[in-house]
C-alpha atoms as a PDB file:
ATOM      1  CA  MET A   1     -90.458 105.979  92.718  1.00  0.00           C
ATOM      2  CA  LYS A   2     -87.515 106.841  89.860  1.00  0.00           C
ATOM      3  CA  PHE A   3     -85.511 104.572  88.381  1.00  0.00           C
ATOM      4  CA  LYS A   4     -82.282 106.659  88.440  1.00  0.00           C
ATOM      5  CA  LYS A   5     -79.869 103.683  86.524  1.00  0.00           C
ATOM      6  CA  ILE A   6     -81.380 101.512  83.698  1.00  0.00           C
ATOM      7  CA  LEU A   7     -79.504  98.505  82.357  1.00  0.00           C
ATOM      8  CA  VAL A   8     -80.815  96.698  79.064  1.00  0.00           C
ATOM      9  CA  VAL A   9     -79.749  93.059  78.220  1.00  0.00           C
ATOM     10  CA  GLU A  10     -80.720  92.592  75.142  1.00  0.00           C
ATOM     11  CA  SER A  11     -80.629  89.238  73.309  1.00  0.00           C
ATOM     12  CA  LYS A  12     -78.609  88.779  69.992  1.00  0.00           C
ATOM     13  CA  LYS A  13     -81.456  88.023  67.724  1.00  0.00           C
ATOM     14  CA  ASN A  14     -81.443  88.749  64.369  1.00  0.00           C
ATOM     15  CA  THR A  15     -84.722  88.707  62.703  1.00  0.00           C
ATOM     16  CA  LYS A  16     -87.131  91.416  61.290  1.00  0.00           C
ATOM     17  CA  GLU A  17     -88.908  90.811  64.498  1.00  0.00           C
ATOM     18  CA  HIS A  18     -86.568  91.550  67.118  1.00  0.00           C
ATOM     19  CA  LEU A  19     -84.369  94.395  65.458  1.00  0.00           C
ATOM     20  CA  GLU A  20     -87.502  95.952  65.296  1.00  0.00           C
ATOM     21  CA  SER A  21     -88.231  95.737  68.667  1.00  0.00           C
ATOM     22  CA  SER A  22     -85.332  96.969  69.562  1.00  0.00           C
ATOM     23  CA  LYS A  23     -86.274 100.493  67.796  1.00  0.00           C
ATOM     24  CA  LYS A  24     -89.669 100.165  69.657  1.00  0.00           C
ATOM     25  CA  LEU A  25     -87.811  99.942  73.206  1.00  0.00           C
ATOM     26  CA  LYS A  26     -85.205 102.605  72.712  1.00  0.00           C
ATOM     27  CA  LYS A  27     -87.015 104.853  71.063  1.00  0.00           C
ATOM     28  CA  ILE A  28     -89.527 104.908  74.467  1.00  0.00           C
ATOM     29  CA  LEU A  29     -86.349 105.133  76.595  1.00  0.00           C
ATOM     30  CA  ASP A  30     -84.968 107.971  74.876  1.00  0.00           C
ATOM     31  CA  GLU A  31     -88.294 109.807  75.297  1.00  0.00           C
ATOM     32  CA  GLU A  32     -87.481 109.271  79.034  1.00  0.00           C
ATOM     33  CA  LYS A  33     -84.255 110.489  79.041  1.00  0.00           C
ATOM     34  CA  ALA A  34     -83.320 107.432  81.338  1.00  0.00           C
ATOM     35  CA  ASN A  35     -79.675 107.123  82.468  1.00  0.00           C
ATOM     36  CA  LEU A  36     -78.922 104.198  80.589  1.00  0.00           C
ATOM     37  CA  GLU A  37     -76.252 100.983  79.774  1.00  0.00           C
ATOM     38  CA  TRP A  38     -77.433  98.962  76.900  1.00  0.00           C
ATOM     39  CA  ILE A  39     -75.505  95.446  76.598  1.00  0.00           C
ATOM     40  CA  PHE A  40     -75.745  92.279  74.520  1.00  0.00           C
ATOM     41  CA  HIS A  41     -76.701  89.111  77.035  1.00  0.00           C
ATOM     42  CA  ASP A  42     -73.229  86.977  75.995  1.00  0.00           C
ATOM     43  CA  CYS A  43     -71.432  89.597  77.315  1.00  0.00           C
ATOM     44  CA  LEU A  44     -73.348  90.224  80.502  1.00  0.00           C
ATOM     45  CA  LYS A  45     -71.766  89.919  83.688  1.00  0.00           C
ATOM     46  CA  LYS A  46     -72.293  90.012  87.544  1.00  0.00           C
ATOM     47  CA  GLY A  47     -70.527  93.766  87.814  1.00  0.00           C
ATOM     48  CA  ASP A  48     -72.659  95.058  84.982  1.00  0.00           C
ATOM     49  CA  VAL A  49     -76.095  94.937  87.124  1.00  0.00           C
ATOM     50  CA  LEU A  50     -74.919  95.266  90.723  1.00  0.00           C
ATOM     51  CA  ASP A  51     -75.259  99.222  90.661  1.00  0.00           C
ATOM     52  CA  LYS A  52     -78.322  99.483  88.410  1.00  0.00           C
ATOM     53  CA  ASP A  53     -82.140 100.219  89.565  1.00  0.00           C
ATOM     54  CA  LEU A  54     -83.769  98.470  86.862  1.00  0.00           C
ATOM     55  CA  VAL A  55     -82.519  95.522  84.535  1.00  0.00           C
ATOM     56  CA  ILE A  56     -84.999  95.655  81.293  1.00  0.00           C
ATOM     57  CA  THR A  57     -84.212  92.565  79.165  1.00  0.00           C
ATOM     58  CA  LEU A  58     -85.554  92.319  75.773  1.00  0.00           C
ATOM     59  CA  GLY A  59     -85.143  88.840  73.883  1.00  0.00           C
ATOM     60  CA  GLY A  60     -87.312  85.529  74.999  1.00  0.00           C
ATOM     61  CA  ASP A  61     -87.289  83.436  78.557  1.00  0.00           C
ATOM     62  CA  GLY A  62     -83.425  82.626  78.375  1.00  0.00           C
ATOM     63  CA  THR A  63     -82.309  86.651  78.368  1.00  0.00           C
ATOM     64  CA  PHE A  64     -84.843  87.342  81.244  1.00  0.00           C
ATOM     65  CA  VAL A  65     -82.996  83.874  82.971  1.00  0.00           C
ATOM     66  CA  GLU A  66     -79.326  84.955  82.514  1.00  0.00           C
ATOM     67  CA  ALA A  67     -80.147  88.475  84.502  1.00  0.00           C
ATOM     68  CA  GLY A  68     -82.120  86.861  87.142  1.00  0.00           C
ATOM     69  CA  ASN A  69     -79.498  84.601  87.824  1.00  0.00           C
ATOM     70  CA  LEU A  70     -76.593  87.322  88.673  1.00  0.00           C
ATOM     71  CA  ILE A  71     -78.924  90.474  89.519  1.00  0.00           C
ATOM     72  CA  GLU A  72     -78.479  90.822  93.753  1.00  0.00           C
ATOM     73  CA  ASP A  73     -80.941  93.932  94.542  1.00  0.00           C
ATOM     74  CA  SER A  74     -82.340  95.720  90.921  1.00  0.00           C
ATOM     75  CA  PHE A  75     -85.440  95.259  90.181  1.00  0.00           C
ATOM     76  CA  ILE A  76     -86.228  93.715  86.996  1.00  0.00           C
ATOM     77  CA  ILE A  77     -89.027  93.474  83.759  1.00  0.00           C
ATOM     78  CA  GLY A  78     -88.883  91.258  80.923  1.00  0.00           C
ATOM     79  CA  ILE A  79     -89.830  92.357  76.979  1.00  0.00           C
ATOM     80  CA  ASN A  80     -90.710  89.585  74.788  1.00  0.00           C
ATOM     81  CA  SER A  81     -89.546  90.817  71.644  1.00  0.00           C
ATOM     82  CA  HIS A  82     -90.595  87.699  69.472  1.00  0.00           C
ATOM     83  CA  PRO A  83     -93.962  87.215  70.782  1.00  0.00           C
ATOM     84  CA  ASN A  84     -94.741  84.910  67.278  1.00  0.00           C
ATOM     85  CA  SER A  85     -92.248  82.605  68.153  1.00  0.00           C
ATOM     86  CA  SER A  86     -91.149  82.826  71.670  1.00  0.00           C
ATOM     87  CA  GLU A  87     -93.083  81.531  74.302  1.00  0.00           C
ATOM     88  CA  GLY A  88     -91.912  84.453  76.688  1.00  0.00           C
ATOM     89  CA  ALA A  89     -93.534  82.543  79.954  1.00  0.00           C
ATOM     90  CA  LEU A  90     -90.925  84.487  82.576  1.00  0.00           C
ATOM     91  CA  THR A  91     -91.211  88.090  80.529  1.00  0.00           C
ATOM     92  CA  SER A  92     -94.029  90.634  81.892  1.00  0.00           C
ATOM     93  CA  LEU A  93     -94.682  92.434  78.750  1.00  0.00           C
ATOM     94  CA  SER A  94     -94.769  91.885  74.726  1.00  0.00           C
ATOM     95  CA  ILE A  95     -93.507  93.761  72.185  1.00  0.00           C
ATOM     96  CA  GLU A  96     -97.144  94.821  71.216  1.00  0.00           C
ATOM     97  CA  GLU A  97     -97.681  96.013  75.022  1.00  0.00           C
ATOM     98  CA  ILE A  98     -94.534  98.236  75.021  1.00  0.00           C
ATOM     99  CA  ASP A  99     -96.180 101.530  75.503  1.00  0.00           C
ATOM    100  CA  GLU A 100     -96.900 100.007  79.333  1.00  0.00           C
ATOM    101  CA  LEU A 101     -93.247 100.213  79.779  1.00  0.00           C
ATOM    102  CA  LYS A 102     -94.050 104.293  79.934  1.00  0.00           C
ATOM    103  CA  LYS A 103     -96.620 103.876  83.287  1.00  0.00           C
ATOM    104  CA  ILE A 104     -94.138 101.397  84.457  1.00  0.00           C
ATOM    105  CA  LEU A 105     -91.154 103.619  84.522  1.00  0.00           C
ATOM    106  CA  LYS A 106     -92.983 106.572  86.016  1.00  0.00           C
ATOM    107  CA  GLY A 107     -93.990 103.916  88.954  1.00  0.00           C
ATOM    108  CA  GLU A 108     -96.929 102.096  88.155  1.00  0.00           C
ATOM    109  CA  PHE A 109     -96.317  98.530  88.958  1.00  0.00           C
ATOM    110  CA  LYS A 110     -96.794  96.006  90.932  1.00  0.00           C
ATOM    111  CA  ILE A 111     -93.525  93.602  92.006  1.00  0.00           C
ATOM    112  CA  LEU A 112     -93.788  89.903  92.264  1.00  0.00           C
ATOM    113  CA  GLU A 113     -90.639  88.208  93.905  1.00  0.00           C
ATOM    114  CA  LYS A 114     -89.500  85.275  92.884  1.00  0.00           C
ATOM    115  CA  GLN A 115     -87.454  82.768  94.938  1.00  0.00           C
ATOM    116  CA  ARG A 116     -84.233  81.549  93.342  1.00  0.00           C
ATOM    117  CA  ALA A 117     -81.425  78.927  94.718  1.00  0.00           C
ATOM    118  CA  LYS A 118     -78.044  79.906  95.911  1.00  0.00           C
ATOM    119  CA  ILE A 119     -74.850  77.786  95.163  1.00  0.00           C
ATOM    120  CA  LYS A 120     -71.856  77.429  96.789  1.00  0.00           C
ATOM    121  CA  LEU A 121     -68.899  75.298  94.838  1.00  0.00           C
ATOM    122  CA  ASN A 122     -66.003  74.343  97.069  1.00  0.00           C
ATOM    123  CA  GLY A 123     -66.878  76.985  99.342  1.00  0.00           C
ATOM    124  CA  ARG A 124     -67.168  79.527  97.329  1.00  0.00           C
ATOM    125  CA  VAL A 125     -70.381  81.073  96.640  1.00  0.00           C
ATOM    126  CA  LEU A 126     -71.016  81.254  92.706  1.00  0.00           C
ATOM    127  CA  ASP A 127     -72.353  84.906  91.415  1.00  0.00           C
ATOM    128  CA  GLU A 128     -75.143  82.954  89.664  1.00  0.00           C
ATOM    129  CA  TYR A 129     -78.210  82.361  91.604  1.00  0.00           C
ATOM    130  CA  ALA A 130     -80.891  79.932  89.875  1.00  0.00           C
ATOM    131  CA  VAL A 131     -84.263  81.280  88.710  1.00  0.00           C
ATOM    132  CA  ASN A 132     -85.244  78.206  87.175  1.00  0.00           C
ATOM    133  CA  GLU A 133     -83.115  75.164  88.313  1.00  0.00           C
ATOM    134  CA  VAL A 134     -79.765  73.652  89.122  1.00  0.00           C
ATOM    135  CA  TYR A 135     -78.949  70.829  87.091  1.00  0.00           C
ATOM    136  CA  ILE A 136     -75.872  68.470  88.599  1.00  0.00           C
ATOM    137  CA  GLY A 137     -74.417  65.601  86.531  1.00  0.00           C
ATOM    138  CA  ALA A 138     -72.475  64.575  83.257  1.00  0.00           C
ATOM    139  CA  GLU A 139     -71.827  67.182  80.537  1.00  0.00           C
ATOM    140  CA  ASN A 140     -72.640  64.332  78.007  1.00  0.00           C
ATOM    141  CA  GLN A 141     -75.899  63.213  78.696  1.00  0.00           C
ATOM    142  CA  PHE A 142     -75.492  59.343  77.527  1.00  0.00           C
ATOM    143  CA  HIS A 143     -72.683  59.205  80.533  1.00  0.00           C
ATOM    144  CA  SER A 144     -73.518  57.967  84.037  1.00  0.00           C
ATOM    145  CA  SER A 145     -73.745  61.195  86.359  1.00  0.00           C
ATOM    146  CA  ARG A 146     -72.001  59.844  89.948  1.00  0.00           C
ATOM    147  CA  TYR A 147     -72.267  61.637  93.110  1.00  0.00           C
ATOM    148  CA  THR A 148     -72.904  61.004  96.873  1.00  0.00           C
ATOM    149  CA  LEU A 149     -75.595  63.045  97.574  1.00  0.00           C
ATOM    150  CA  ILE A 150     -76.514  64.443 101.146  1.00  0.00           C
ATOM    151  CA  TYR A 151     -79.912  65.779 101.945  1.00  0.00           C
ATOM    152  CA  ARG A 152     -81.243  66.140 105.831  1.00  0.00           C
ATOM    153  CA  GLY A 153     -78.497  63.738 107.669  1.00  0.00           C
ATOM    154  CA  LYS A 154     -78.872  60.897 105.425  1.00  0.00           C
ATOM    155  CA  LYS A 155     -75.851  60.399 102.467  1.00  0.00           C
ATOM    156  CA  GLU A 156     -76.242  58.082  99.625  1.00  0.00           C
ATOM    157  CA  GLU A 157     -73.946  57.709  96.647  1.00  0.00           C
ATOM    158  CA  GLN A 158     -76.325  57.267  93.243  1.00  0.00           C
ATOM    159  CA  ARG A 159     -75.582  56.576  89.616  1.00  0.00           C
ATOM    160  CA  SER A 160     -78.242  58.564  87.686  1.00  0.00           C
ATOM    161  CA  SER A 161     -78.877  60.868  84.368  1.00  0.00           C
ATOM    162  CA  GLY A 162     -78.562  64.141  86.444  1.00  0.00           C
ATOM    163  CA  VAL A 163     -79.862  65.371  89.268  1.00  0.00           C
ATOM    164  CA  ILE A 164     -82.580  68.924  88.973  1.00  0.00           C
ATOM    165  CA  VAL A 165     -82.769  71.291  91.980  1.00  0.00           C
ATOM    166  CA  SER A 166     -85.695  73.401  91.119  1.00  0.00           C
ATOM    167  CA  THR A 167     -87.081  76.890  91.806  1.00  0.00           C
ATOM    168  CA  GLY A 168     -91.272  77.392  91.955  1.00  0.00           C
ATOM    169  CA  VAL A 169     -90.559  79.022  88.602  1.00  0.00           C
ATOM    170  CA  GLY A 170     -88.233  76.145  86.993  1.00  0.00           C
ATOM    171  CA  SER A 171     -90.978  73.843  88.527  1.00  0.00           C
ATOM    172  CA  ARG A 172     -93.040  74.228  85.847  1.00  0.00           C
ATOM    173  CA  ALA A 173     -90.476  73.533  82.952  1.00  0.00           C
ATOM    174  CA  TRP A 174     -87.456  70.719  82.555  1.00  0.00           C
ATOM    175  CA  PHE A 175     -88.170  70.150  86.573  1.00  0.00           C
ATOM    176  CA  LYS A 176     -91.989  68.979  85.878  1.00  0.00           C
ATOM    177  CA  SER A 177     -91.230  67.126  82.474  1.00  0.00           C
ATOM    178  CA  ALA A 178     -88.789  65.242  84.435  1.00  0.00           C
ATOM    179  CA  GLY A 179     -91.648  63.697  86.605  1.00  0.00           C
ATOM    180  CA  GLY A 180     -91.469  66.349  89.311  1.00  0.00           C
ATOM    181  CA  LYS A 181     -94.484  68.383  90.478  1.00  0.00           C
ATOM    182  CA  GLU A 182     -95.192  71.892  90.080  1.00  0.00           C
ATOM    183  CA  PHE A 183     -95.215  74.255  92.999  1.00  0.00           C
ATOM    184  CA  GLY A 184     -95.705  78.012  93.076  1.00  0.00           C
ATOM    185  CA  HIS A 185     -92.943  80.723  92.564  1.00  0.00           C
ATOM    186  CA  LYS A 186     -93.641  82.993  96.010  1.00  0.00           C
ATOM    187  CA  GLU A 187     -93.023  78.954  97.994  1.00  0.00           C
ATOM    188  CA  GLU A 188     -89.914  79.262  99.987  1.00  0.00           C
ATOM    189  CA  LYS A 189     -88.809  76.097  99.570  1.00  0.00           C
ATOM    190  CA  LEU A 190     -86.397  74.497  96.456  1.00  0.00           C
ATOM    191  CA  SER A 191     -87.348  71.013  95.328  1.00  0.00           C
ATOM    192  CA  PHE A 192     -85.657  68.236  93.447  1.00  0.00           C
ATOM    193  CA  ILE A 193     -85.905  65.021  91.740  1.00  0.00           C
ATOM    194  CA  VAL A 194     -83.171  62.336  90.828  1.00  0.00           C
ATOM    195  CA  ARG A 195     -83.304  61.331  87.081  1.00  0.00           C
ATOM    196  CA  GLU A 196     -83.593  57.976  85.778  1.00  0.00           C
ATOM    197  CA  PRO A 197     -81.639  56.336  88.843  1.00  0.00           C
ATOM    198  CA  TYR A 198     -79.626  53.136  88.493  1.00  0.00           C
ATOM    199  CA  PHE A 199     -80.444  50.419  90.379  1.00  0.00           C
ATOM    200  CA  GLY A 200     -77.989  47.532  90.939  1.00  0.00           C
ATOM    201  CA  LYS A 201     -78.220  43.941  92.996  1.00  0.00           C
ATOM    202  CA  ARG A 202     -76.356  45.176  96.204  1.00  0.00           C
ATOM    203  CA  ILE A 203     -74.208  48.799  95.921  1.00  0.00           C
ATOM    204  CA  TYR A 204     -76.629  51.271  94.530  1.00  0.00           C
ATOM    205  CA  VAL A 205     -79.801  50.718  95.642  1.00  0.00           C
ATOM    206  CA  PRO A 206     -81.160  54.582  96.218  1.00  0.00           C
ATOM    207  CA  THR A 207     -83.535  55.482  98.125  1.00  0.00           C
ATOM    208  CA  ILE A 208     -83.223  59.435  97.972  1.00  0.00           C
ATOM    209  CA  LEU A 209     -84.991  60.134  94.630  1.00  0.00           C
ATOM    210  CA  GLU A 210     -87.046  63.355  95.278  1.00  0.00           C
ATOM    211  CA  GLY A 211     -87.700  66.103  98.045  1.00  0.00           C
ATOM    212  CA  GLU A 212     -88.010  69.605  99.317  1.00  0.00           C
ATOM    213  CA  ILE A 213     -85.180  71.985 100.817  1.00  0.00           C
ATOM    214  CA  LEU A 214     -87.047  74.282 102.935  1.00  0.00           C
ATOM    215  CA  LYS A 215     -85.681  77.687 104.514  1.00  0.00           C
ATOM    216  CA  LYS A 216     -82.534  77.289 106.717  1.00  0.00           C
ATOM    217  CA  GLU A 217     -81.908  73.686 104.960  1.00  0.00           C
ATOM    218  CA  LYS A 218     -79.478  72.689 102.083  1.00  0.00           C
ATOM    219  CA  ILE A 219     -78.585  69.726  99.917  1.00  0.00           C
ATOM    220  CA  SER A 220     -75.113  68.741  99.136  1.00  0.00           C
ATOM    221  CA  PHE A 221     -73.439  66.616  96.066  1.00  0.00           C
ATOM    222  CA  GLU A 222     -69.798  65.291  96.107  1.00  0.00           C
ATOM    223  CA  SER A 223     -68.291  64.191  92.861  1.00  0.00           C
ATOM    224  CA  LYS A 224     -67.366  60.981  92.218  1.00  0.00           C
ATOM    225  CA  ARG A 225     -67.060  61.618  88.049  1.00  0.00           C
ATOM    226  CA  ASN A 226     -62.756  61.785  87.293  1.00  0.00           C
ATOM    227  CA  PHE A 227     -64.284  64.138  84.131  1.00  0.00           C
ATOM    228  CA  GLY A 228     -67.023  65.347  82.489  1.00  0.00           C
ATOM    229  CA  GLY A 229     -68.793  66.220  85.368  1.00  0.00           C
ATOM    230  CA  ILE A 230     -70.864  69.610  85.153  1.00  0.00           C
ATOM    231  CA  ILE A 231     -72.872  72.184  87.136  1.00  0.00           C
ATOM    232  CA  ALA A 232     -75.197  73.743  84.763  1.00  0.00           C
ATOM    233  CA  ILE A 233     -76.861  77.279  85.983  1.00  0.00           C
ATOM    234  CA  GLY A 234     -78.894  79.087  83.160  1.00  0.00           C
ATOM    235  CA  PHE A 235     -76.593  78.834  80.470  1.00  0.00           C
ATOM    236  CA  LYS A 236     -73.665  78.781  82.818  1.00  0.00           C
ATOM    237  CA  THR A 237     -71.724  75.547  83.598  1.00  0.00           C
ATOM    238  CA  TYR A 238     -68.433  74.489  86.108  1.00  0.00           C
ATOM    239  CA  ASN A 239     -66.795  71.566  86.187  1.00  0.00           C
ATOM    240  CA  PHE A 240     -67.469  69.101  89.124  1.00  0.00           C
ATOM    241  CA  ASN A 241     -65.783  66.150  89.071  1.00  0.00           C
ATOM    242  CA  ASP A 242     -64.025  64.172  91.411  1.00  0.00           C
ATOM    243  CA  GLY A 243     -63.825  65.646  95.025  1.00  0.00           C
ATOM    244  CA  ASP A 244     -65.511  68.689  94.115  1.00  0.00           C
ATOM    245  CA  VAL A 245     -68.722  69.888  96.226  1.00  0.00           C
ATOM    246  CA  ILE A 246     -71.646  72.225  95.518  1.00  0.00           C
ATOM    247  CA  GLU A 247     -74.265  72.861  97.924  1.00  0.00           C
ATOM    248  CA  ILE A 248     -77.935  74.377  97.191  1.00  0.00           C
ATOM    249  CA  GLU A 249     -80.092  76.723  99.217  1.00  0.00           C
ATOM    250  CA  LEU A 250     -82.963  79.151  98.785  1.00  0.00           C
ATOM    251  CA  ALA A 251     -81.609  82.364  98.148  1.00  0.00           C
ATOM    252  CA  GLU A 252     -82.126  85.166 100.718  1.00  0.00           C
ATOM    253  CA  LYS A 253     -83.156  87.107  97.933  1.00  0.00           C
ATOM    254  CA  PRO A 254     -85.660  86.622  95.681  1.00  0.00           C
ATOM    255  CA  LEU A 255     -85.908  88.011  92.342  1.00  0.00           C
ATOM    256  CA  LYS A 256     -87.946  91.343  92.379  1.00  0.00           C
ATOM    257  CA  VAL A 257     -90.166  91.459  88.794  1.00  0.00           C
ATOM    258  CA  LEU A 258     -92.155  94.032  87.599  1.00  0.00           C
ATOM    259  CA  GLU A 259     -95.560  93.600  86.264  1.00  0.00           C
ATOM    260  CA  LYS A 260     -97.686  96.138  84.700  1.00  0.00           C
ATOM    261  CA  PHE A 261    -101.411  96.594  86.969  1.00  0.00           C
END
């Protein structure tokens, strides 16, 4: 397979290690004479990735997620430019393995499909898929999140510190720390957990506190906050206030991640 159009999405880290990593990557891509575009992660938009065969991220997991959330059909590979300080759990190569990229560009790779979430806000499908998780709740964590949750025919008004809807990729991170159970990135499902639910004496007695969203299912939320409510998908946030409705389901298109043999 020959990649005709390649986009590099780079972190804006200004450390010596990252800048040296950037030079190494540019040298390899120049040698390959690739049809190349280069962009910093904070300038990235949906249109930048739509016509690309391959997206290469240079940075850490955050840079990978930002690009992976916007991709439709492109392949993606993450390069960890900072292996001494960045976990790089989602990246396929560290900068120390950069020569492996030459083999990948010649077609020597395997593909991992990682499930994502699709999000619809007030009837409009958002540009971002979710590689790891969607957070629904209050922008300020010390404020109560207020919403009505709709799941498998049940409807329940709740107060909590927010809800996390996670993919298998995200299940190893924030979701797991909040008490959720880890599951595989290939599994065709999402999972959700309500964080720190409020139990009142009469009005607020929540029963839908966690669950799975399987193929062809969805979970919905209607905001009951007058202000300060948000939806967070990676680094992107949307206002989510009184009357706003969000629907979350498994995306039809998983993320196609390249790995070395």
